[in-house]
C-alpha atoms as a PDB file:
ATOM      1  CA  MET A   1     -16.480  38.469 -34.345  1.00  0.00           C
ATOM      2  CA  SER A   2     -19.428  40.536 -33.414  1.00  0.00           C
ATOM      3  CA  THR A   3     -22.635  39.786 -35.832  1.00  0.00           C
ATOM      4  CA  SER A   4     -22.416  43.366 -37.516  1.00  0.00           C
ATOM      5  CA  THR A   5     -18.797  42.583 -38.458  1.00  0.00           C
ATOM      6  CA  ALA A   6     -18.855  39.876 -39.622  1.00  0.00           C
ATOM      7  CA  ALA A   7     -21.844  40.886 -41.714  1.00  0.00           C
ATOM      8  CA  THR A   8     -19.681  43.478 -43.390  1.00  0.00           C
ATOM      9  CA  ALA A   9     -17.029  41.450 -44.005  1.00  0.00           C
ATOM     10  CA  THR A  10     -19.367  38.753 -45.857  1.00  0.00           C
ATOM     11  CA  ALA A  11     -21.115  42.116 -47.753  1.00  0.00           C
ATOM     12  CA  THR A  12     -17.341  43.539 -48.584  1.00  0.00           C
ATOM     13  CA  ALA A  13     -16.362  39.522 -49.675  1.00  0.00           C
ATOM     14  CA  THR A  14     -19.291  39.117 -51.716  1.00  0.00           C
ATOM     15  CA  GLU A  15     -19.102  42.941 -52.702  1.00  0.00           C
ATOM     16  CA  LYS A  16     -15.844  42.506 -53.827  1.00  0.00           C
ATOM     17  CA  THR A  17     -16.360  38.671 -56.077  1.00  0.00           C
ATOM     18  CA  GLY A  18     -20.104  39.759 -57.715  1.00  0.00           C
ATOM     19  CA  ALA A  19     -21.056  36.537 -54.867  1.00  0.00           C
ATOM     20  CA  ARG A  20     -24.349  36.229 -53.216  1.00  0.00           C
ATOM     21  CA  THR A  21     -22.884  33.982 -50.588  1.00  0.00           C
ATOM     22  CA  GLU A  22     -20.132  33.900 -48.110  1.00  0.00           C
ATOM     23  CA  GLU A  23     -19.074  30.376 -49.335  1.00  0.00           C
ATOM     24  CA  ALA A  24     -19.480  31.420 -53.058  1.00  0.00           C
ATOM     25  CA  ALA A  25     -17.473  34.535 -52.530  1.00  0.00           C
ATOM     26  CA  ASP A  26     -15.028  32.091 -50.352  1.00  0.00           C
ATOM     27  CA  LEU A  27     -14.694  29.941 -52.998  1.00  0.00           C
ATOM     28  CA  ILE A  28     -14.189  33.101 -56.384  1.00  0.00           C
ATOM     29  CA  GLY A  29     -11.272  34.759 -53.391  1.00  0.00           C
ATOM     30  CA  ASN A  30      -9.736  31.401 -53.210  1.00  0.00           C
ATOM     31  CA  ALA A  31      -9.731  30.976 -56.953  1.00  0.00           C
ATOM     32  CA  ARG A  32      -8.982  34.340 -57.887  1.00  0.00           C
ATOM     33  CA  GLU A  33      -6.039  34.009 -55.513  1.00  0.00           C
ATOM     34  CA  ARG A  34      -4.825  30.488 -57.640  1.00  0.00           C
ATOM     35  CA  ILE A  35      -5.601  32.216 -60.787  1.00  0.00           C
ATOM     36  CA  ASP A  36      -3.074  35.107 -59.883  1.00  0.00           C
ATOM     37  CA  SER A  37      -0.005  32.532 -59.072  1.00  0.00           C
ATOM     38  CA  LEU A  38      -0.967  30.693 -61.845  1.00  0.00           C
ATOM     39  CA  ASP A  39      -0.473  34.794 -63.834  1.00  0.00           C
ATOM     40  CA  ASP A  40       2.618  35.643 -62.444  1.00  0.00           C
ATOM     41  CA  ARG A  41       4.087  32.310 -63.281  1.00  0.00           C
ATOM     42  CA  ILE A  42       2.627  32.712 -66.587  1.00  0.00           C
ATOM     43  CA  ILE A  43       4.223  35.982 -66.905  1.00  0.00           C
ATOM     44  CA  GLY A  44       8.069  34.909 -65.612  1.00  0.00           C
ATOM     45  CA  LEU A  45       7.552  32.013 -68.287  1.00  0.00           C
ATOM     46  CA  ILE A  46       7.406  34.484 -71.452  1.00  0.00           C
ATOM     47  CA  GLN A  47      10.164  36.649 -69.380  1.00  0.00           C
ATOM     48  CA  GLU A  48      12.382  33.315 -69.561  1.00  0.00           C
ATOM     49  CA  ARG A  49      10.884  32.956 -73.417  1.00  0.00           C
ATOM     50  CA  MET A  50      11.748  36.502 -73.833  1.00  0.00           C
ATOM     51  CA  ALA A  51      15.421  36.164 -72.555  1.00  0.00           C
ATOM     52  CA  VAL A  52      16.346  32.488 -75.102  1.00  0.00           C
ATOM     53  CA  SER A  53      14.555  33.878 -78.202  1.00  0.00           C
ATOM     54  CA  ALA A  54      16.727  37.216 -78.336  1.00  0.00           C
ATOM     55  CA  VAL A  55      19.484  34.374 -77.546  1.00  0.00           C
ATOM     56  CA  ILE A  56      18.172  32.819 -80.776  1.00  0.00           C
ATOM     57  CA  GLN A  57      17.854  36.010 -82.817  1.00  0.00           C
ATOM     58  CA  GLU A  58      21.492  37.700 -82.162  1.00  0.00           C
ATOM     59  CA  ALA A  59      23.142  33.737 -83.003  1.00  0.00           C
ATOM     60  CA  ARG A  60      20.577  34.496 -86.394  1.00  0.00           C
ATOM     61  CA  ILE A  61      21.628  38.148 -87.198  1.00  0.00           C
ATOM     62  CA  THR A  62      25.551  37.157 -85.823  1.00  0.00           C
ATOM     63  CA  SER A  63      25.869  34.414 -88.473  1.00  0.00           C
ATOM     64  CA  GLY A  64      24.129  36.796 -91.585  1.00  0.00           C
ATOM     65  CA  GLY A  65      20.919  35.710 -90.842  1.00  0.00           C
ATOM     66  CA  ARG A  66      17.439  38.226 -90.222  1.00  0.00           C
ATOM     67  CA  ARG A  67      16.026  38.234 -86.590  1.00  0.00           C
ATOM     68  CA  VAL A  68      13.246  37.212 -87.694  1.00  0.00           C
ATOM     69  CA  ASN A  69      12.101  33.393 -88.699  1.00  0.00           C
ATOM     70  CA  LEU A  70       9.176  33.952 -90.656  1.00  0.00           C
ATOM     71  CA  SER A  71       8.594  30.060 -91.226  1.00  0.00           C
ATOM     72  CA  ARG A  72       8.969  29.110 -87.569  1.00  0.00           C
ATOM     73  CA  GLU A  73       6.448  31.750 -86.484  1.00  0.00           C
ATOM     74  CA  MET A  74       4.033  29.981 -88.845  1.00  0.00           C
ATOM     75  CA  GLU A  75       4.963  27.011 -86.856  1.00  0.00           C
ATOM     76  CA  VAL A  76       4.466  28.456 -83.548  1.00  0.00           C
ATOM     77  CA  LEU A  77       1.349  30.394 -84.424  1.00  0.00           C
ATOM     78  CA  ALA A  78      -0.115  26.794 -85.448  1.00  0.00           C
ATOM     79  CA  HIS A  79       0.422  24.708 -81.770  1.00  0.00           C
ATOM     80  CA  TYR A  80      -0.809  27.765 -80.673  1.00  0.00           C
ATOM     81  CA  ARG A  81      -3.845  28.127 -82.504  1.00  0.00           C
ATOM     82  CA  ASP A  82      -3.664  24.001 -81.883  1.00  0.00           C
ATOM     83  CA  ALA A  83      -3.759  23.897 -78.767  1.00  0.00           C
ATOM     84  CA  LEU A  84      -6.316  27.236 -77.968  1.00  0.00           C
ATOM     85  CA  GLY A  85      -8.219  27.281 -81.278  1.00  0.00           C
ATOM     86  CA  LYS A  86      -7.760  30.668 -82.304  1.00  0.00           C
ATOM     87  CA  PRO A  87      -8.515  33.195 -79.596  1.00  0.00           C
ATOM     88  CA  GLY A  88      -4.491  31.287 -79.331  1.00  0.00           C
ATOM     89  CA  THR A  89      -3.229  32.551 -82.485  1.00  0.00           C
ATOM     90  CA  ALA A  90      -4.048  36.292 -81.067  1.00  0.00           C
ATOM     91  CA  LEU A  91      -2.488  35.000 -77.864  1.00  0.00           C
ATOM     92  CA  ALA A  92       0.659  33.386 -79.892  1.00  0.00           C
ATOM     93  CA  MET A  93       0.555  36.636 -82.320  1.00  0.00           C
ATOM     94  CA  THR A  94       0.902  38.938 -78.899  1.00  0.00           C
ATOM     95  CA  MET A  95       3.876  36.749 -77.184  1.00  0.00           C
ATOM     96  CA  LEU A  96       5.905  36.429 -80.269  1.00  0.00           C
ATOM     97  CA  GLU A  97       5.315  40.449 -80.654  1.00  0.00           C
ATOM     98  CA  LEU A  98       6.998  40.670 -76.780  1.00  0.00           C
ATOM     99  CA  CYS A  99       9.231  37.789 -77.857  1.00  0.00           C
ATOM    100  CA  ARG A 100      10.804  39.749 -81.067  1.00  0.00           C
ATOM    101  CA  GLY A 101      12.741  41.566 -79.002  1.00  0.00           C
ATOM    102  CA  ARG A 102      15.081  45.229 -79.397  1.00  0.00           C
ATOM    103  CA  ILE A 103      18.621  43.798 -81.670  1.00  0.00           C
END
């Protein structure tokens, strides 16, 4: 790689990451790849949770119950809050909204 090509690659990597050195840009780039992979796994787990929740809701409705069990949702909210703090509650609310489905 020529010096100008290397400089362009470094400039591009540092611009893309906000880093000021090539080493930091490499570290950030690798960490972002890991985060992207984790996000894909999290999305997959949420989709799996949505499917399991749909089974539960269907069984509850079929048996004459309500689609949503508020006491269970409160347990889930408390679990996320205890594990992640106040932002965990907001995350759990969003997840519960996704999992309520359209039955």
